[in-house]
Protein backbone atom coordinates (compact mmCIF):
# COMPACT_ATOMS: atom_id res chain seq x y z
CA MET A 1 46.12 -12.38 -14.27
CA SER A 2 48.11 -12.22 -11.06
CA ILE A 3 51.04 -14.44 -10.09
CA LYS A 4 52.79 -15.24 -6.83
CA ILE A 5 56.43 -14.18 -6.72
CA ILE A 6 59.05 -14.87 -4.05
CA VAL A 7 62.19 -12.72 -4.17
CA CYS A 8 65.21 -13.99 -2.22
CA VAL A 9 67.43 -11.21 -0.88
CA LYS A 10 70.50 -10.92 1.33
CA GLN A 11 71.91 -8.31 3.71
CA VAL A 12 75.60 -7.71 2.93
CA ILE A 13 78.40 -5.44 4.04
CA ASP A 14 78.40 -2.32 1.87
CA PRO A 15 80.79 -3.12 -1.02
CA ASP A 16 81.64 0.59 -1.17
CA ALA A 17 82.78 0.66 2.46
CA PRO A 18 86.45 1.65 2.77
CA ILE A 19 88.91 -1.14 3.51
CA ALA A 20 89.85 0.63 6.75
CA SER A 21 86.32 0.06 8.07
CA LEU A 22 86.56 -3.73 7.67
CA ASP A 23 88.00 -6.27 10.03
CA ILE A 24 88.31 -10.03 10.35
CA GLY A 25 85.98 -11.22 13.08
CA GLU A 26 85.71 -14.52 14.88
CA ASN A 27 85.64 -17.72 12.83
CA ASN A 28 87.12 -15.95 9.80
CA ILE A 29 84.01 -13.89 9.13
CA VAL A 30 84.42 -10.41 7.69
CA SER A 31 82.71 -7.83 9.85
CA SER A 32 82.40 -4.08 9.54
CA LYS A 33 83.52 -1.85 12.38
CA GLU A 34 81.00 0.76 11.24
CA LYS A 35 78.29 -1.83 10.52
CA ARG A 36 77.55 -0.45 7.08
CA PHE A 37 75.07 -2.96 5.69
CA VAL A 38 73.03 -2.74 2.50
CA LEU A 39 70.72 -4.92 0.47
CA ASN A 40 72.73 -6.91 -2.05
CA GLY A 41 72.76 -4.94 -5.30
CA TYR A 42 71.73 -7.78 -7.61
CA ASP A 43 68.90 -8.62 -5.21
CA GLU A 44 67.59 -5.08 -5.67
CA ASN A 45 67.55 -5.84 -9.41
CA ALA A 46 65.51 -8.97 -8.61
CA VAL A 47 63.01 -6.87 -6.65
CA GLU A 48 62.79 -4.50 -9.64
CA ALA A 49 62.12 -7.45 -11.95
CA ALA A 50 59.25 -8.55 -9.69
CA LEU A 51 57.81 -5.03 -9.60
CA LYS A 52 57.89 -4.81 -13.40
CA ILE A 53 55.86 -8.01 -13.58
CA LYS A 54 53.48 -6.58 -10.97
CA ASP A 55 53.06 -3.45 -13.09
CA ASP A 56 52.37 -5.53 -16.23
CA VAL A 57 50.09 -8.37 -15.11
CA GLY A 58 49.68 -8.02 -11.36
CA ALA A 59 51.56 -9.97 -8.73
CA GLU A 60 51.79 -10.72 -5.04
CA ILE A 61 55.44 -10.16 -4.09
CA THR A 62 56.92 -11.83 -1.01
CA VAL A 63 60.51 -10.92 -0.12
CA LEU A 64 62.41 -13.62 1.77
CA SER A 65 65.76 -13.55 3.55
CA VAL A 66 67.64 -16.00 5.76
CA GLY A 67 70.29 -14.73 8.17
CA TYR A 68 70.94 -13.14 11.52
CA ALA A 69 71.04 -9.63 13.03
CA PHE A 70 69.07 -7.98 10.25
CA GLU A 71 69.10 -4.20 9.93
CA ASN A 72 65.42 -3.24 9.84
CA ASP A 73 65.87 -0.20 7.58
CA VAL A 74 67.95 -2.22 5.12
CA MET A 75 65.57 -5.16 4.88
CA LYS A 76 62.48 -2.98 4.55
CA LYS A 77 63.73 -1.33 1.35
CA PRO A 78 61.89 -3.81 -0.95
CA ILE A 79 58.64 -2.92 0.85
CA SER A 80 59.27 0.79 0.27
CA MET A 81 59.90 -0.03 -3.41
CA GLY A 82 56.50 -1.75 -3.69
CA ALA A 83 56.78 -5.37 -2.48
CA ASP A 84 53.83 -6.71 -0.46
CA ARG A 85 55.33 -8.90 2.27
CA LEU A 86 58.67 -9.37 4.02
CA ILE A 87 59.68 -12.62 5.73
CA LEU A 88 62.91 -12.75 7.73
CA VAL A 89 64.07 -16.18 8.85
CA GLU A 90 66.41 -15.17 11.63
CA ASP A 91 68.44 -17.38 13.92
CA GLU A 92 71.91 -17.18 15.43
CA LYS A 93 72.53 -20.66 14.02
CA PHE A 94 72.47 -19.16 10.52
CA LEU A 95 75.51 -16.94 11.11
CA GLN A 96 78.10 -19.45 9.89
CA VAL A 97 76.21 -21.33 7.16
CA ASP A 98 77.63 -21.66 3.65
CA GLY A 99 75.80 -21.28 0.36
CA PHE A 100 74.58 -24.88 0.25
CA SER A 101 73.06 -24.58 3.72
CA THR A 102 71.56 -21.22 2.78
CA ALA A 103 69.86 -22.80 -0.23
CA ASN A 104 68.45 -25.55 1.99
CA LEU A 105 67.14 -22.99 4.49
CA LEU A 106 65.54 -20.92 1.72
CA GLY A 107 63.94 -24.09 0.36
CA LYS A 108 62.46 -24.89 3.77
CA ALA A 109 61.10 -21.36 4.10
CA ILE A 110 59.59 -21.39 0.61
CA ASN A 111 57.89 -24.71 1.35
CA LYS A 112 56.34 -23.08 4.41
CA ILE A 113 55.17 -20.09 2.35
CA GLY A 114 53.33 -22.43 0.02
CA GLU A 115 52.46 -22.22 -3.66
CA PHE A 116 54.42 -19.89 -5.93
CA ASP A 117 54.74 -19.21 -9.63
CA LEU A 118 58.16 -17.58 -9.70
CA VAL A 119 61.25 -17.32 -7.50
CA LEU A 120 63.56 -14.42 -8.34
CA CYS A 121 67.17 -14.15 -7.15
CA GLY A 122 70.07 -11.85 -7.81
CA ARG A 123 72.79 -13.51 -9.87
CA GLN A 124 75.18 -13.50 -6.88
CA ALA A 125 75.91 -11.77 -3.59
CA SER A 126 78.58 -9.09 -3.34
CA ASP A 127 80.14 -10.52 -0.18
CA TRP A 128 81.32 -13.98 -1.33
CA ASP A 129 80.50 -13.82 -5.07
CA ASN A 130 79.83 -17.58 -5.22
CA ALA A 131 76.70 -17.38 -7.41
CA TYR A 132 75.55 -20.94 -6.74
CA VAL A 133 72.76 -20.45 -4.18
CA PRO A 134 70.02 -19.89 -6.83
CA LEU A 135 71.15 -22.97 -8.77
CA ALA A 136 71.15 -25.13 -5.65
CA LEU A 137 67.77 -23.71 -4.61
CA SER A 138 66.18 -24.61 -7.95
CA GLU A 139 67.34 -28.21 -7.48
CA ILE A 140 65.92 -28.29 -3.96
CA LEU A 141 62.58 -26.89 -5.15
CA ASN A 142 62.67 -29.15 -8.25
CA VAL A 143 61.90 -26.28 -10.61
CA PRO A 144 63.65 -25.08 -13.80
CA CYS A 145 66.32 -22.38 -13.42
CA ILE A 146 66.94 -19.64 -15.98
CA THR A 147 69.98 -17.45 -15.29
CA LEU A 148 70.92 -13.89 -16.23
CA ALA A 149 67.55 -12.68 -17.45
CA GLN A 150 67.41 -9.23 -19.01
CA LYS A 151 63.67 -9.36 -19.74
CA ILE A 152 60.88 -11.49 -18.31
CA GLU A 153 57.51 -11.78 -20.02
CA VAL A 154 54.60 -13.60 -18.39
CA LYS A 155 52.65 -15.91 -20.69
CA ALA A 156 49.46 -17.90 -20.09
CA ASN A 157 51.28 -20.94 -18.71
CA GLY A 158 54.75 -19.69 -17.94
CA PHE A 159 57.50 -17.26 -18.88
CA ARG A 160 59.36 -16.05 -21.94
CA VAL A 161 62.81 -14.89 -20.89
CA GLU A 162 65.56 -13.04 -22.72
CA ARG A 163 68.75 -14.47 -21.27
CA VAL A 164 71.97 -12.46 -21.52
CA MET A 165 74.75 -14.03 -23.58
CA SER A 166 78.02 -12.73 -24.95
CA GLY A 167 77.21 -10.61 -28.00
CA GLY A 168 73.45 -10.96 -27.72
CA TYR A 169 70.68 -12.81 -25.90
CA GLN A 170 68.95 -16.18 -25.88
CA ILE A 171 65.17 -16.64 -25.71
CA VAL A 172 64.09 -19.31 -23.22
CA GLU A 173 60.57 -20.39 -22.28
CA SER A 174 59.50 -22.17 -19.11
CA GLU A 175 56.29 -23.23 -17.42
CA PHE A 176 55.12 -22.27 -13.92
CA PRO A 177 56.82 -22.49 -11.44
CA THR A 178 60.34 -21.34 -12.35
CA LEU A 179 63.37 -19.81 -10.68
CA ILE A 180 65.03 -16.92 -12.55
CA THR A 181 68.19 -14.99 -11.70
CA VAL A 182 68.80 -11.41 -12.80
CA SER A 183 71.50 -8.76 -12.67
CA ASN A 184 71.73 -5.12 -13.73
CA GLU A 185 70.62 -5.87 -17.32
CA ILE A 186 67.04 -6.15 -16.03
CA GLY A 187 67.09 -2.40 -15.23
CA ASN A 188 68.04 -0.10 -12.38
CA PRO A 189 66.03 -0.54 -9.16
CA ARG A 190 63.37 2.12 -8.75
CA TYR A 191 63.64 4.68 -5.99
CA PRO A 192 61.26 4.22 -3.04
CA THR A 193 58.41 6.72 -3.05
CA ILE A 194 57.36 8.77 -0.04
CA ARG A 195 54.19 6.69 0.16
CA GLY A 196 56.23 3.50 -0.11
CA ILE A 197 58.54 4.60 2.70
CA MET A 198 55.53 5.38 4.88
CA ASP A 199 53.98 1.99 4.08
CA ALA A 200 57.24 0.25 4.93
CA GLY A 201 57.32 2.05 8.27
CA ARG A 202 53.87 0.72 9.13
CA LYS A 203 54.36 -2.85 7.92
CA LYS A 204 56.07 -5.30 10.22
CA PRO A 205 58.06 -8.19 8.74
CA ASP A 206 57.13 -11.76 9.56
CA ILE A 207 59.93 -13.10 11.78
CA TRP A 208 60.51 -16.85 11.61
CA THR A 209 63.08 -18.96 13.44
CA SER A 210 64.69 -22.29 12.64
CA ASN A 211 61.84 -24.02 14.51
CA ASP A 212 59.24 -22.36 12.29
CA ILE A 213 60.72 -23.91 9.15
CA CYS A 214 61.45 -27.28 10.81
CA VAL A 215 65.22 -27.15 10.40
CA THR A 216 67.26 -30.22 11.26
CA SER A 217 70.96 -30.38 12.10
CA GLU A 218 71.62 -31.90 8.66
CA LEU A 219 71.07 -28.49 7.08
CA PHE A 220 74.00 -27.03 9.01
CA LYS A 221 76.64 -29.39 7.66
CA ASN A 222 78.58 -26.93 5.54
CA GLN A 223 80.19 -28.30 2.39
CA LEU A 224 82.62 -25.42 2.03
CA VAL A 225 85.39 -24.73 4.52
CA THR A 226 87.21 -21.41 4.70
CA LYS A 227 90.90 -22.12 5.23
CA ASP A 228 92.09 -18.53 5.42
CA LEU A 229 90.66 -15.06 5.05
CA SER A 230 92.52 -11.77 4.85
CA LEU A 231 92.03 -8.23 3.68
CA PRO A 232 93.86 -7.22 0.49
CA ILE A 233 97.16 -5.42 0.96
CA ASN A 234 97.84 -2.58 -1.45
CA GLU A 235 101.50 -1.79 -1.86
CA ALA A 236 103.16 0.73 -4.14
CA ASP A 237 106.84 1.02 -4.99
CA CYS A 238 107.53 4.32 -6.75
CA GLU A 239 110.82 5.37 -8.27
CA PHE A 240 111.28 9.04 -9.17
CA ILE A 241 113.52 10.12 -12.03
CA HIS A 242 114.98 13.60 -11.78
CA SER A 243 116.47 15.79 -14.49
CA ASP A 244 116.32 19.41 -15.56
CA SER A 245 115.94 18.38 -19.18
CA GLU A 246 112.81 16.82 -20.64
CA GLU A 247 114.91 14.96 -23.21
CA GLU A 248 117.11 13.59 -20.45
CA LEU A 249 114.03 12.54 -18.46
CA GLY A 250 112.69 10.66 -21.46
CA ARG A 251 116.03 8.91 -22.05
CA LEU A 252 116.40 7.92 -18.38
CA LEU A 253 112.80 6.65 -18.26
CA ALA A 254 113.30 4.53 -21.37
CA GLU A 255 116.55 3.10 -20.03
CA ASN A 256 114.88 2.30 -16.71
CA LEU A 257 112.00 0.47 -18.38
CA ILE A 258 114.36 -1.46 -20.65
CA GLU A 259 116.46 -2.46 -17.66
CA LYS A 260 113.38 -3.79 -15.90
CA LYS A 261 112.32 -5.54 -19.16
CA LEU A 262 109.03 -3.66 -19.21
CA ILE A 263 109.53 -2.58 -22.81
């Protein structure tokens, strides 16, 4: 048995990048001065989930991303991990789209890819943390959506999924095709092998544009508007208490905290 899997991934600014390396670019978009981009962490978990299915029952894994100015080394990581195909839908028009437009674009691209049994997504992206693109995409594709899977088992006609819940898990079953979201509970992403890295170097991604997926202007009508965007400001106000006696220090500290109504 072999199934067709599409994994949706996103290139994001490295969440571990220092605040000093970030800036607010044009149109209120966060940009990195050092251009430190990575594959979204939860999307790497989605790739791992696909590879586990491939190890168990066999699968053809297509990795799909919609965006602009992709970093080749970043986007090829799923191929070095073991995915079979990489499709990048790249267009400058996609730079300012919100999550709803992204879901529509992914839906158009998946329709162009053709038949599939499973769409895998990370639970959310680390840049905006909205977590609604997979849900919107499942509605667009008219397929069931199961969120927060920690284990996916392929059955004869569908999937048996252990879904993470507070204090335990819920077992959910669904027929082909289905969209499933995962996070770190599915397991840590595997490290690319030397052979995988060499294969990724030889394989070229399929590059599509907005024309290739028949995009209309209706897909670019964002439903979310960013009113303001700013970097967090960390401020610290320290007060030092001095005394040659430890007992005196303790008394002064207690009095200070009582005065400020902290204790």
